[in-house]
Amino acid sequence: MEKQMNEKQLELYEEIRHLIVKTTEMKDEYWHAYNGLDTWQFWLIFLGMFVAPLVILYFLIDRDKMSLLGFYGYNIHVWFSHIDNWGTKHGLWGYPYELVPFIPGNLSLDVALVPILYMLVYQWTLNQNKNYYIYTLALSVFLSFIFKPILSMHHLFKLHEWVTFLHIFAAYCALFIFSKLITNIFIWMSKQGTKKGLFPQR
């Protein structure tokens, strides 16, 4: 039997819903006041962190490994977006300037810059037969202790509460390790399927 919502639960649900609507309206007002097309921050985020990485990826990606790199990059994107959204929703960090107001976190970092950087490093380790973990660790050091502090200096990124750049580094490490693990599992499953005739060989 379906459990009915009691009056207290319904009131709390409606209160949360109204707060979400109010917060969304405030974010829209804030974005139009401080993040519009007439700000240099918008164009830096749009051109430098969103468009430029996509253009670079178009010219540099190894066409023979596009499926593998695309799957890996999508993993980076998904998990990084979840981590980023979780942190912003809990007030642990934030982005005073955003590409669009209706998506939490930083769309340009979540969708383009960070996944593409990890994809290109992964591609390089494959093509040069280098250790993936060493070079993605180096990229994580760069993002955590050089790139993010530079963003913070220019008020494009802010840490709150107890969070430090060391915590950001730990999140990046978890990100590239877990994404590689998922990618390896699917590579293994694909090979097993090919051996058993489940997937056509090319």
N, C-alpha and C. Protein backbone atom coordinates (compact mmCIF):
# COMPACT_ATOMS: atom_id res chain seq x y z
N MET A 1 0.84 -1.20 0.00
CA MET A 1 0.00 0.00 0.00
C MET A 1 0.88 1.25 0.00
N GLU A 2 0.52 2.21 -0.82
CA GLU A 2 1.31 3.43 -0.93
C GLU A 2 1.13 4.28 0.31
N LYS A 3 2.23 4.70 0.87
CA LYS A 3 2.19 5.52 2.08
C LYS A 3 1.85 6.96 1.71
N GLN A 4 0.86 7.53 2.39
CA GLN A 4 0.44 8.89 2.13
C GLN A 4 1.35 9.88 2.85
N MET A 5 1.53 11.04 2.24
CA MET A 5 2.31 12.09 2.89
C MET A 5 1.47 12.72 3.99
N ASN A 6 2.06 12.80 5.20
CA ASN A 6 1.34 13.47 6.27
C ASN A 6 1.49 14.99 6.13
N GLU A 7 0.75 15.71 6.94
CA GLU A 7 0.71 17.17 6.81
C GLU A 7 2.07 17.81 7.06
N LYS A 8 2.80 17.30 8.06
CA LYS A 8 4.12 17.86 8.38
C LYS A 8 5.10 17.65 7.22
N GLN A 9 5.09 16.44 6.65
CA GLN A 9 5.98 16.15 5.53
C GLN A 9 5.64 17.03 4.33
N LEU A 10 4.34 17.20 4.06
CA LEU A 10 3.92 18.02 2.93
C LEU A 10 4.33 19.47 3.11
N GLU A 11 4.20 19.98 4.34
CA GLU A 11 4.61 21.36 4.62
C GLU A 11 6.11 21.54 4.41
N LEU A 12 6.89 20.57 4.89
CA LEU A 12 8.34 20.65 4.72
C LEU A 12 8.73 20.56 3.26
N TYR A 13 8.05 19.68 2.52
CA TYR A 13 8.31 19.55 1.08
C TYR A 13 8.05 20.87 0.36
N GLU A 14 6.90 21.50 0.68
CA GLU A 14 6.55 22.77 0.04
C GLU A 14 7.53 23.88 0.42
N GLU A 15 7.98 23.87 1.68
CA GLU A 15 8.96 24.87 2.12
C GLU A 15 10.26 24.72 1.35
N ILE A 16 10.72 23.48 1.19
CA ILE A 16 11.95 23.22 0.43
C ILE A 16 11.77 23.65 -1.02
N ARG A 17 10.62 23.33 -1.60
CA ARG A 17 10.36 23.69 -2.99
C ARG A 17 10.39 25.20 -3.19
N HIS A 18 9.77 25.93 -2.28
CA HIS A 18 9.76 27.39 -2.38
C HIS A 18 11.17 27.96 -2.21
N LEU A 19 11.96 27.38 -1.32
CA LEU A 19 13.33 27.83 -1.13
C LEU A 19 14.16 27.60 -2.39
N ILE A 20 13.94 26.44 -3.05
CA ILE A 20 14.66 26.15 -4.29
C ILE A 20 14.30 27.16 -5.36
N VAL A 21 13.00 27.45 -5.49
CA VAL A 21 12.55 28.44 -6.47
C VAL A 21 13.15 29.80 -6.17
N LYS A 22 13.13 30.20 -4.88
CA LYS A 22 13.68 31.50 -4.49
C LYS A 22 15.17 31.57 -4.77
N THR A 23 15.89 30.48 -4.44
CA THR A 23 17.33 30.45 -4.70
C THR A 23 17.63 30.54 -6.18
N THR A 24 16.84 29.85 -6.99
CA THR A 24 17.02 29.90 -8.44
C THR A 24 16.80 31.31 -8.97
N GLU A 25 15.77 31.97 -8.47
CA GLU A 25 15.50 33.35 -8.88
C GLU A 25 16.64 34.28 -8.49
N MET A 26 17.17 34.09 -7.27
CA MET A 26 18.29 34.91 -6.81
C MET A 26 19.53 34.68 -7.65
N LYS A 27 19.79 33.41 -8.03
CA LYS A 27 20.94 33.10 -8.87
C LYS A 27 20.81 33.74 -10.25
N ASP A 28 19.59 33.72 -10.79
CA ASP A 28 19.36 34.35 -12.09
C ASP A 28 19.63 35.85 -12.01
N GLU A 29 19.13 36.49 -10.96
CA GLU A 29 19.34 37.93 -10.78
C GLU A 29 20.82 38.24 -10.61
N TYR A 30 21.50 37.41 -9.81
CA TYR A 30 22.94 37.61 -9.58
C TYR A 30 23.72 37.46 -10.88
N TRP A 31 23.38 36.44 -11.67
CA TRP A 31 24.10 36.20 -12.91
C TRP A 31 23.94 37.37 -13.87
N HIS A 32 22.71 37.85 -14.03
CA HIS A 32 22.47 38.96 -14.96
C HIS A 32 23.13 40.25 -14.48
N ALA A 33 23.31 40.38 -13.16
CA ALA A 33 23.93 41.59 -12.62
C ALA A 33 25.45 41.56 -12.72
N TYR A 34 26.06 40.36 -12.59
CA TYR A 34 27.52 40.29 -12.47
C TYR A 34 28.20 39.34 -13.46
N ASN A 35 27.45 38.54 -14.21
CA ASN A 35 28.05 37.53 -15.08
C ASN A 35 27.67 37.69 -16.54
N GLY A 36 27.17 38.82 -16.92
CA GLY A 36 26.63 38.99 -18.26
C GLY A 36 27.68 39.06 -19.35
N LEU A 37 27.19 39.27 -20.57
CA LEU A 37 28.06 39.31 -21.74
C LEU A 37 29.00 40.51 -21.73
N ASP A 38 28.74 41.47 -20.88
CA ASP A 38 29.58 42.67 -20.84
C ASP A 38 30.73 42.56 -19.84
N THR A 39 30.96 41.35 -19.30
CA THR A 39 32.05 41.16 -18.34
C THR A 39 33.18 40.35 -18.98
N TRP A 40 34.42 40.67 -18.60
CA TRP A 40 35.55 39.91 -19.14
C TRP A 40 35.57 38.49 -18.59
N GLN A 41 35.00 38.31 -17.38
CA GLN A 41 34.98 36.97 -16.79
C GLN A 41 34.16 36.01 -17.64
N PHE A 42 33.03 36.49 -18.15
CA PHE A 42 32.19 35.62 -18.99
C PHE A 42 32.96 35.16 -20.22
N TRP A 43 33.64 36.07 -20.88
CA TRP A 43 34.34 35.72 -22.12
C TRP A 43 35.56 34.86 -21.87
N LEU A 44 36.22 35.05 -20.72
CA LEU A 44 37.33 34.17 -20.36
C LEU A 44 36.82 32.75 -20.13
N ILE A 45 35.73 32.64 -19.40
CA ILE A 45 35.16 31.32 -19.12
C ILE A 45 34.64 30.67 -20.41
N PHE A 46 33.97 31.46 -21.24
CA PHE A 46 33.37 30.91 -22.46
C PHE A 46 34.42 30.54 -23.51
N LEU A 47 35.31 31.48 -23.80
CA LEU A 47 36.30 31.24 -24.85
C LEU A 47 37.49 30.43 -24.37
N GLY A 48 38.02 30.79 -23.19
CA GLY A 48 39.25 30.16 -22.71
C GLY A 48 39.06 28.79 -22.09
N MET A 49 37.93 28.59 -21.40
CA MET A 49 37.73 27.34 -20.67
C MET A 49 36.70 26.42 -21.31
N PHE A 50 35.95 26.93 -22.28
CA PHE A 50 34.92 26.10 -22.92
C PHE A 50 35.21 25.87 -24.41
N VAL A 51 35.29 26.94 -25.18
CA VAL A 51 35.48 26.80 -26.63
C VAL A 51 36.88 26.32 -26.98
N ALA A 52 37.90 26.96 -26.42
CA ALA A 52 39.29 26.61 -26.76
C ALA A 52 39.62 25.15 -26.51
N PRO A 53 39.26 24.56 -25.35
CA PRO A 53 39.56 23.14 -25.14
C PRO A 53 38.89 22.24 -26.17
N LEU A 54 37.65 22.57 -26.56
CA LEU A 54 36.95 21.75 -27.56
C LEU A 54 37.63 21.83 -28.92
N VAL A 55 38.09 23.02 -29.29
CA VAL A 55 38.80 23.18 -30.56
C VAL A 55 40.12 22.41 -30.54
N ILE A 56 40.85 22.53 -29.42
CA ILE A 56 42.12 21.81 -29.28
C ILE A 56 41.90 20.30 -29.36
N LEU A 57 40.85 19.83 -28.69
CA LEU A 57 40.55 18.39 -28.72
C LEU A 57 40.25 17.94 -30.15
N TYR A 58 39.54 18.74 -30.90
CA TYR A 58 39.20 18.38 -32.28
C TYR A 58 40.45 18.12 -33.11
N PHE A 59 41.46 18.92 -32.91
CA PHE A 59 42.68 18.79 -33.71
C PHE A 59 43.67 17.76 -33.14
N LEU A 60 43.63 17.52 -31.84
CA LEU A 60 44.65 16.67 -31.22
C LEU A 60 44.21 15.25 -30.92
N ILE A 61 42.91 15.00 -30.87
CA ILE A 61 42.48 13.67 -30.46
C ILE A 61 42.90 12.62 -31.49
N ASP A 62 43.32 11.48 -30.98
CA ASP A 62 43.70 10.35 -31.82
C ASP A 62 42.43 9.68 -32.35
N ARG A 63 42.18 9.80 -33.65
CA ARG A 63 40.95 9.25 -34.23
C ARG A 63 40.84 7.75 -34.05
N ASP A 64 41.98 7.06 -33.97
CA ASP A 64 41.94 5.60 -33.82
C ASP A 64 41.52 5.18 -32.41
N LYS A 65 41.58 6.11 -31.46
CA LYS A 65 41.24 5.78 -30.07
C LYS A 65 40.06 6.62 -29.57
N MET A 66 39.27 7.14 -30.49
CA MET A 66 38.20 8.07 -30.10
C MET A 66 37.18 7.44 -29.17
N SER A 67 36.81 6.20 -29.42
CA SER A 67 35.80 5.54 -28.57
C SER A 67 36.32 5.38 -27.15
N LEU A 68 37.55 4.90 -27.03
CA LEU A 68 38.15 4.71 -25.71
C LEU A 68 38.31 6.04 -24.99
N LEU A 69 38.88 7.02 -25.68
CA LEU A 69 39.12 8.32 -25.07
C LEU A 69 37.80 9.02 -24.74
N GLY A 70 36.81 8.87 -25.62
CA GLY A 70 35.51 9.48 -25.36
C GLY A 70 34.84 8.87 -24.15
N PHE A 71 34.92 7.55 -24.01
CA PHE A 71 34.34 6.89 -22.85
C PHE A 71 35.04 7.33 -21.57
N TYR A 72 36.36 7.38 -21.61
CA TYR A 72 37.14 7.82 -20.45
C TYR A 72 36.81 9.27 -20.11
N GLY A 73 36.78 10.14 -21.13
CA GLY A 73 36.48 11.55 -20.90
C GLY A 73 35.08 11.75 -20.34
N TYR A 74 34.14 10.94 -20.80
CA TYR A 74 32.78 11.04 -20.27
C TYR A 74 32.75 10.64 -18.80
N ASN A 75 33.54 9.64 -18.44
CA ASN A 75 33.66 9.27 -17.03
C ASN A 75 34.17 10.44 -16.20
N ILE A 76 35.24 11.07 -16.68
CA ILE A 76 35.78 12.23 -15.97
C ILE A 76 34.71 13.30 -15.83
N HIS A 77 34.01 13.58 -16.91
CA HIS A 77 32.97 14.61 -16.89
C HIS A 77 31.88 14.30 -15.87
N VAL A 78 31.38 13.07 -15.89
CA VAL A 78 30.26 12.70 -15.01
C VAL A 78 30.66 12.80 -13.55
N TRP A 79 31.78 12.17 -13.19
CA TRP A 79 32.18 12.15 -11.78
C TRP A 79 32.63 13.53 -11.31
N PHE A 80 33.32 14.27 -12.17
CA PHE A 80 33.74 15.62 -11.79
C PHE A 80 32.53 16.53 -11.60
N SER A 81 31.53 16.39 -12.46
CA SER A 81 30.31 17.19 -12.33
C SER A 81 29.60 16.89 -11.02
N HIS A 82 29.51 15.60 -10.67
CA HIS A 82 28.86 15.22 -9.41
C HIS A 82 29.62 15.78 -8.21
N ILE A 83 30.94 15.65 -8.22
CA ILE A 83 31.74 16.18 -7.11
C ILE A 83 31.61 17.69 -7.02
N ASP A 84 31.69 18.35 -8.17
CA ASP A 84 31.61 19.81 -8.21
C ASP A 84 30.24 20.30 -7.73
N ASN A 85 29.19 19.66 -8.20
CA ASN A 85 27.84 20.04 -7.79
C ASN A 85 27.61 19.79 -6.30
N TRP A 86 28.13 18.66 -5.81
CA TRP A 86 28.00 18.35 -4.39
C TRP A 86 28.68 19.42 -3.54
N GLY A 87 29.89 19.81 -3.94
CA GLY A 87 30.63 20.81 -3.19
C GLY A 87 29.95 22.17 -3.19
N THR A 88 29.42 22.57 -4.34
CA THR A 88 28.75 23.88 -4.41
C THR A 88 27.43 23.86 -3.64
N LYS A 89 26.69 22.77 -3.71
CA LYS A 89 25.41 22.68 -2.99
C LYS A 89 25.61 22.70 -1.48
N HIS A 90 26.72 22.16 -1.01
CA HIS A 90 27.00 22.13 0.43
C HIS A 90 27.83 23.33 0.88
N GLY A 91 28.06 24.27 -0.03
CA GLY A 91 28.74 25.50 0.34
C GLY A 91 30.21 25.33 0.66
N LEU A 92 30.85 24.28 0.11
CA LEU A 92 32.26 24.03 0.38
C LEU A 92 33.16 24.82 -0.56
N TRP A 93 32.68 25.09 -1.75
CA TRP A 93 33.37 25.96 -2.69
C TRP A 93 32.33 26.55 -3.65
N GLY A 94 32.74 27.52 -4.41
CA GLY A 94 31.79 28.15 -5.31
C GLY A 94 32.47 28.91 -6.43
N TYR A 95 31.67 29.30 -7.40
CA TYR A 95 32.16 30.04 -8.58
C TYR A 95 31.38 31.34 -8.69
N PRO A 96 31.98 32.46 -8.29
CA PRO A 96 31.28 33.75 -8.38
C PRO A 96 30.89 34.12 -9.81
N TYR A 97 31.58 33.55 -10.79
CA TYR A 97 31.27 33.81 -12.19
C TYR A 97 31.02 32.47 -12.88
N GLU A 98 29.86 32.36 -13.54
CA GLU A 98 29.49 31.11 -14.19
C GLU A 98 29.07 31.37 -15.63
N LEU A 99 29.19 30.33 -16.44
CA LEU A 99 28.83 30.45 -17.86
C LEU A 99 27.33 30.62 -18.03
N VAL A 100 26.56 29.83 -17.30
CA VAL A 100 25.09 29.93 -17.33
C VAL A 100 24.59 29.85 -15.90
N PRO A 101 23.44 30.48 -15.60
CA PRO A 101 22.97 30.52 -14.22
C PRO A 101 22.19 29.30 -13.77
N PHE A 102 21.69 28.50 -14.72
CA PHE A 102 20.75 27.44 -14.37
C PHE A 102 21.41 26.08 -14.19
N ILE A 103 22.73 25.99 -14.30
CA ILE A 103 23.44 24.74 -14.05
C ILE A 103 24.43 24.96 -12.92
N PRO A 104 24.33 24.19 -11.82
CA PRO A 104 25.25 24.38 -10.70
C PRO A 104 26.68 24.01 -11.06
N GLY A 105 27.63 24.56 -10.31
CA GLY A 105 29.03 24.30 -10.60
C GLY A 105 29.52 25.19 -11.73
N ASN A 106 30.59 24.77 -12.37
CA ASN A 106 31.16 25.54 -13.46
C ASN A 106 31.09 24.71 -14.73
N LEU A 107 30.17 25.06 -15.61
CA LEU A 107 29.91 24.25 -16.81
C LEU A 107 31.15 24.09 -17.67
N SER A 108 31.92 25.16 -17.84
CA SER A 108 33.09 25.09 -18.71
C SER A 108 34.15 24.14 -18.18
N LEU A 109 34.32 24.11 -16.85
CA LEU A 109 35.29 23.18 -16.26
C LEU A 109 34.76 21.75 -16.28
N ASP A 110 33.48 21.59 -15.91
CA ASP A 110 32.89 20.25 -15.80
C ASP A 110 32.77 19.55 -17.15
N VAL A 111 32.42 20.31 -18.18
CA VAL A 111 32.12 19.72 -19.49
C VAL A 111 33.32 19.70 -20.42
N ALA A 112 34.12 20.75 -20.37
CA ALA A 112 35.17 20.91 -21.38
C ALA A 112 36.59 20.82 -20.82
N LEU A 113 37.03 21.81 -20.08
CA LEU A 113 38.45 21.95 -19.76
C LEU A 113 39.03 20.75 -19.02
N VAL A 114 38.44 20.39 -17.89
CA VAL A 114 39.01 19.32 -17.07
C VAL A 114 38.94 17.96 -17.76
N PRO A 115 37.77 17.53 -18.29
CA PRO A 115 37.75 16.24 -19.00
C PRO A 115 38.72 16.18 -20.17
N ILE A 116 38.83 17.28 -20.92
CA ILE A 116 39.70 17.27 -22.10
C ILE A 116 41.17 17.21 -21.70
N LEU A 117 41.55 17.90 -20.65
CA LEU A 117 42.94 17.82 -20.17
C LEU A 117 43.29 16.38 -19.79
N TYR A 118 42.40 15.72 -19.05
CA TYR A 118 42.66 14.33 -18.66
C TYR A 118 42.65 13.41 -19.88
N MET A 119 41.76 13.66 -20.83
CA MET A 119 41.73 12.85 -22.05
C MET A 119 43.04 12.94 -22.82
N LEU A 120 43.57 14.15 -22.96
CA LEU A 120 44.80 14.34 -23.73
C LEU A 120 46.00 13.74 -23.01
N VAL A 121 46.02 13.83 -21.68
CA VAL A 121 47.10 13.18 -20.93
C VAL A 121 46.99 11.67 -21.06
N TYR A 122 45.78 11.13 -20.95
CA TYR A 122 45.57 9.69 -21.11
C TYR A 122 46.01 9.24 -22.50
N GLN A 123 45.62 10.00 -23.51
CA GLN A 123 46.03 9.68 -24.89
C GLN A 123 47.54 9.67 -25.02
N TRP A 124 48.20 10.66 -24.43
CA TRP A 124 49.66 10.75 -24.53
C TRP A 124 50.32 9.55 -23.85
N THR A 125 49.81 9.13 -22.70
CA THR A 125 50.41 7.98 -22.01
C THR A 125 50.21 6.70 -22.82
N LEU A 126 49.09 6.59 -23.52
CA LEU A 126 48.86 5.42 -24.37
C LEU A 126 49.81 5.42 -25.57
N ASN A 127 49.92 6.55 -26.23
CA ASN A 127 50.74 6.62 -27.45
C ASN A 127 52.23 6.55 -27.16
N GLN A 128 52.64 7.05 -26.00
CA GLN A 128 54.06 7.07 -25.65
C GLN A 128 54.45 5.94 -24.69
N ASN A 129 53.47 5.09 -24.36
CA ASN A 129 53.70 3.98 -23.45
C ASN A 129 54.27 4.47 -22.11
N LYS A 130 53.62 5.48 -21.56
CA LYS A 130 54.03 6.05 -20.28
C LYS A 130 53.06 5.62 -19.18
N ASN A 131 53.49 5.80 -17.94
CA ASN A 131 52.66 5.43 -16.80
C ASN A 131 51.51 6.42 -16.62
N TYR A 132 50.30 5.93 -16.75
CA TYR A 132 49.11 6.78 -16.66
C TYR A 132 49.03 7.50 -15.32
N TYR A 133 49.28 6.78 -14.25
CA TYR A 133 49.05 7.33 -12.91
C TYR A 133 50.04 8.43 -12.56
N ILE A 134 51.26 8.32 -13.02
CA ILE A 134 52.26 9.35 -12.74
C ILE A 134 51.87 10.67 -13.41
N TYR A 135 51.45 10.60 -14.66
CA TYR A 135 51.19 11.83 -15.41
C TYR A 135 49.83 12.44 -15.09
N THR A 136 48.85 11.62 -14.76
CA THR A 136 47.58 12.19 -14.32
C THR A 136 47.71 12.75 -12.90
N LEU A 137 48.60 12.15 -12.11
CA LEU A 137 48.89 12.72 -10.80
C LEU A 137 49.53 14.10 -10.96
N ALA A 138 50.45 14.22 -11.90
CA ALA A 138 51.09 15.51 -12.17
C ALA A 138 50.06 16.54 -12.63
N LEU A 139 49.13 16.12 -13.49
CA LEU A 139 48.07 17.03 -13.93
C LEU A 139 47.20 17.46 -12.75
N SER A 140 46.91 16.54 -11.85
CA SER A 140 46.10 16.86 -10.68
C SER A 140 46.81 17.86 -9.77
N VAL A 141 48.13 17.71 -9.64
CA VAL A 141 48.91 18.68 -8.86
C VAL A 141 48.80 20.06 -9.50
N PHE A 142 48.93 20.12 -10.82
CA PHE A 142 48.83 21.40 -11.53
C PHE A 142 47.45 22.03 -11.32
N LEU A 143 46.39 21.25 -11.50
CA LEU A 143 45.05 21.79 -11.37
C LEU A 143 44.75 22.25 -9.94
N SER A 144 45.24 21.49 -8.96
CA SER A 144 44.91 21.77 -7.56
C SER A 144 45.72 22.89 -6.96
N PHE A 145 47.01 22.95 -7.27
CA PHE A 145 47.91 23.87 -6.57
C PHE A 145 48.42 25.02 -7.43
N ILE A 146 48.08 25.02 -8.72
CA ILE A 146 48.47 26.14 -9.59
C ILE A 146 47.24 26.76 -10.25
N PHE A 147 46.49 25.94 -10.97
CA PHE A 147 45.34 26.45 -11.72
C PHE A 147 44.24 26.99 -10.81
N LYS A 148 43.80 26.18 -9.85
CA LYS A 148 42.72 26.61 -8.96
C LYS A 148 43.12 27.81 -8.10
N PRO A 149 44.35 27.88 -7.56
CA PRO A 149 44.74 29.10 -6.84
C PRO A 149 44.75 30.34 -7.72
N ILE A 150 45.13 30.19 -9.00
CA ILE A 150 45.08 31.34 -9.92
C ILE A 150 43.63 31.79 -10.11
N LEU A 151 42.72 30.83 -10.29
CA LEU A 151 41.30 31.18 -10.38
C LEU A 151 40.84 31.88 -9.12
N SER A 152 41.29 31.39 -7.97
CA SER A 152 40.91 31.99 -6.69
C SER A 152 41.42 33.42 -6.56
N MET A 153 42.64 33.67 -7.02
CA MET A 153 43.23 35.01 -6.96
C MET A 153 42.39 36.02 -7.75
N HIS A 154 41.78 35.56 -8.83
CA HIS A 154 40.98 36.44 -9.68
C HIS A 154 39.48 36.30 -9.41
N HIS A 155 39.15 35.70 -8.25
CA HIS A 155 37.76 35.58 -7.78
C HIS A 155 36.88 34.78 -8.73
N LEU A 156 37.48 33.86 -9.46
CA LEU A 156 36.72 32.95 -10.31
C LEU A 156 36.38 31.65 -9.59
N PHE A 157 37.01 31.43 -8.45
CA PHE A 157 36.79 30.22 -7.65
C PHE A 157 37.05 30.58 -6.20
N LYS A 158 36.19 30.09 -5.30
CA LYS A 158 36.36 30.39 -3.88
C LYS A 158 36.18 29.13 -3.05
N LEU A 159 37.07 28.95 -2.08
CA LEU A 159 36.94 27.88 -1.11
C LEU A 159 36.21 28.41 0.12
N HIS A 160 35.40 27.55 0.73
CA HIS A 160 34.65 27.94 1.92
C HIS A 160 34.80 26.87 3.01
N GLU A 161 34.33 27.23 4.18
CA GLU A 161 34.34 26.33 5.33
C GLU A 161 35.75 25.82 5.60
N TRP A 162 35.90 24.51 5.72
CA TRP A 162 37.17 23.89 6.12
C TRP A 162 37.99 23.40 4.92
N VAL A 163 37.48 23.59 3.72
CA VAL A 163 38.11 23.02 2.52
C VAL A 163 39.39 23.77 2.16
N THR A 164 40.43 23.02 1.81
CA THR A 164 41.69 23.58 1.34
C THR A 164 41.99 23.02 -0.06
N PHE A 165 43.04 23.53 -0.67
CA PHE A 165 43.42 23.01 -1.99
C PHE A 165 43.91 21.57 -1.91
N LEU A 166 44.32 21.14 -0.73
CA LEU A 166 44.70 19.74 -0.55
C LEU A 166 43.48 18.83 -0.71
N HIS A 167 42.33 19.29 -0.23
CA HIS A 167 41.10 18.52 -0.42
C HIS A 167 40.72 18.47 -1.90
N ILE A 168 40.93 19.58 -2.60
CA ILE A 168 40.67 19.60 -4.04
C ILE A 168 41.57 18.60 -4.75
N PHE A 169 42.83 18.54 -4.33
CA PHE A 169 43.77 17.58 -4.91
C PHE A 169 43.31 16.14 -4.68
N ALA A 170 42.86 15.85 -3.47
CA ALA A 170 42.37 14.50 -3.16
C ALA A 170 41.17 14.15 -4.04
N ALA A 171 40.31 15.13 -4.30
CA ALA A 171 39.15 14.89 -5.16
C ALA A 171 39.59 14.58 -6.59
N TYR A 172 40.57 15.32 -7.09
CA TYR A 172 41.08 15.05 -8.45
C TYR A 172 41.70 13.66 -8.53
N CYS A 173 42.43 13.27 -7.50
CA CYS A 173 43.05 11.94 -7.50
C CYS A 173 41.99 10.84 -7.52
N ALA A 174 40.97 11.00 -6.69
CA ALA A 174 39.88 10.02 -6.69
C ALA A 174 39.20 10.00 -8.05
N LEU A 175 39.11 11.16 -8.67
CA LEU A 175 38.47 11.28 -9.98
C LEU A 175 39.20 10.47 -11.05
N PHE A 176 40.51 10.68 -11.18
CA PHE A 176 41.21 10.01 -12.28
C PHE A 176 41.42 8.52 -11.99
N ILE A 177 41.53 8.14 -10.73
CA ILE A 177 41.68 6.72 -10.40
C ILE A 177 40.38 5.97 -10.69
N PHE A 178 39.26 6.53 -10.23
CA PHE A 178 37.98 5.85 -10.42
C PHE A 178 37.59 5.80 -11.90
N SER A 179 37.84 6.90 -12.62
CA SER A 179 37.51 6.92 -14.05
C SER A 179 38.33 5.90 -14.82
N LYS A 180 39.59 5.75 -14.46
CA LYS A 180 40.44 4.75 -15.11
C LYS A 180 39.99 3.34 -14.76
N LEU A 181 39.57 3.14 -13.52
CA LEU A 181 39.07 1.83 -13.10
C LEU A 181 37.84 1.44 -13.91
N ILE A 182 36.89 2.35 -14.03
CA ILE A 182 35.68 2.07 -14.81
C ILE A 182 36.03 1.80 -16.27
N THR A 183 36.95 2.58 -16.82
CA THR A 183 37.38 2.38 -18.21
C THR A 183 38.03 1.02 -18.38
N ASN A 184 38.89 0.63 -17.44
CA ASN A 184 39.55 -0.68 -17.51
C ASN A 184 38.54 -1.82 -17.44
N ILE A 185 37.52 -1.66 -16.61
CA ILE A 185 36.49 -2.70 -16.49
C ILE A 185 35.76 -2.88 -17.82
N PHE A 186 35.43 -1.78 -18.47
CA PHE A 186 34.72 -1.87 -19.75
C PHE A 186 35.62 -2.40 -20.86
N ILE A 187 36.91 -2.07 -20.80
CA ILE A 187 37.85 -2.65 -21.77
C ILE A 187 37.90 -4.16 -21.59
N TRP A 188 37.98 -4.60 -20.35
CA TRP A 188 38.03 -6.04 -20.06
C TRP A 188 36.74 -6.72 -20.52
N MET A 189 35.59 -6.11 -20.22
CA MET A 189 34.31 -6.68 -20.63
C MET A 189 34.20 -6.77 -22.15
N SER A 190 34.71 -5.74 -22.83
CA SER A 190 34.68 -5.74 -24.30
C SER A 190 35.54 -6.87 -24.86
N LYS A 191 36.72 -7.07 -24.27
CA LYS A 191 37.60 -8.14 -24.73
C LYS A 191 36.98 -9.51 -24.47
N GLN A 192 36.34 -9.66 -23.31
CA GLN A 192 35.69 -10.94 -23.00
C GLN A 192 34.55 -11.20 -23.96
N GLY A 193 33.80 -10.14 -24.27
CA GLY A 193 32.69 -10.30 -25.21
C GLY A 193 33.16 -10.65 -26.60
N THR A 194 34.28 -10.07 -27.02
CA THR A 194 34.84 -10.38 -28.34
C THR A 194 35.30 -11.82 -28.41
N LYS A 195 35.92 -12.31 -27.33
CA LYS A 195 36.39 -13.70 -27.29
C LYS A 195 35.23 -14.68 -27.40
N LYS A 196 34.09 -14.31 -26.79
CA LYS A 196 32.94 -15.21 -26.78
C LYS A 196 32.02 -14.98 -27.98
N GLY A 197 32.40 -14.03 -28.84
CA GLY A 197 31.59 -13.76 -30.02
C GLY A 197 30.38 -12.89 -29.76
N LEU A 198 30.36 -12.19 -28.60
CA LEU A 198 29.23 -11.34 -28.28
C LEU A 198 29.30 -10.02 -29.03
N PHE A 199 30.53 -9.57 -29.33
CA PHE A 199 30.71 -8.32 -30.06
C PHE A 199 31.46 -8.61 -31.35
N PRO A 200 31.06 -7.98 -32.44
CA PRO A 200 31.76 -8.22 -33.71
C PRO A 200 33.15 -7.64 -33.69
N GLN A 201 34.10 -8.34 -34.26
CA GLN A 201 35.46 -7.84 -34.38
C GLN A 201 35.59 -7.00 -35.64
N ARG A 202 36.44 -5.98 -35.55
CA ARG A 202 36.67 -5.11 -36.71
C ARG A 202 38.07 -5.30 -37.23
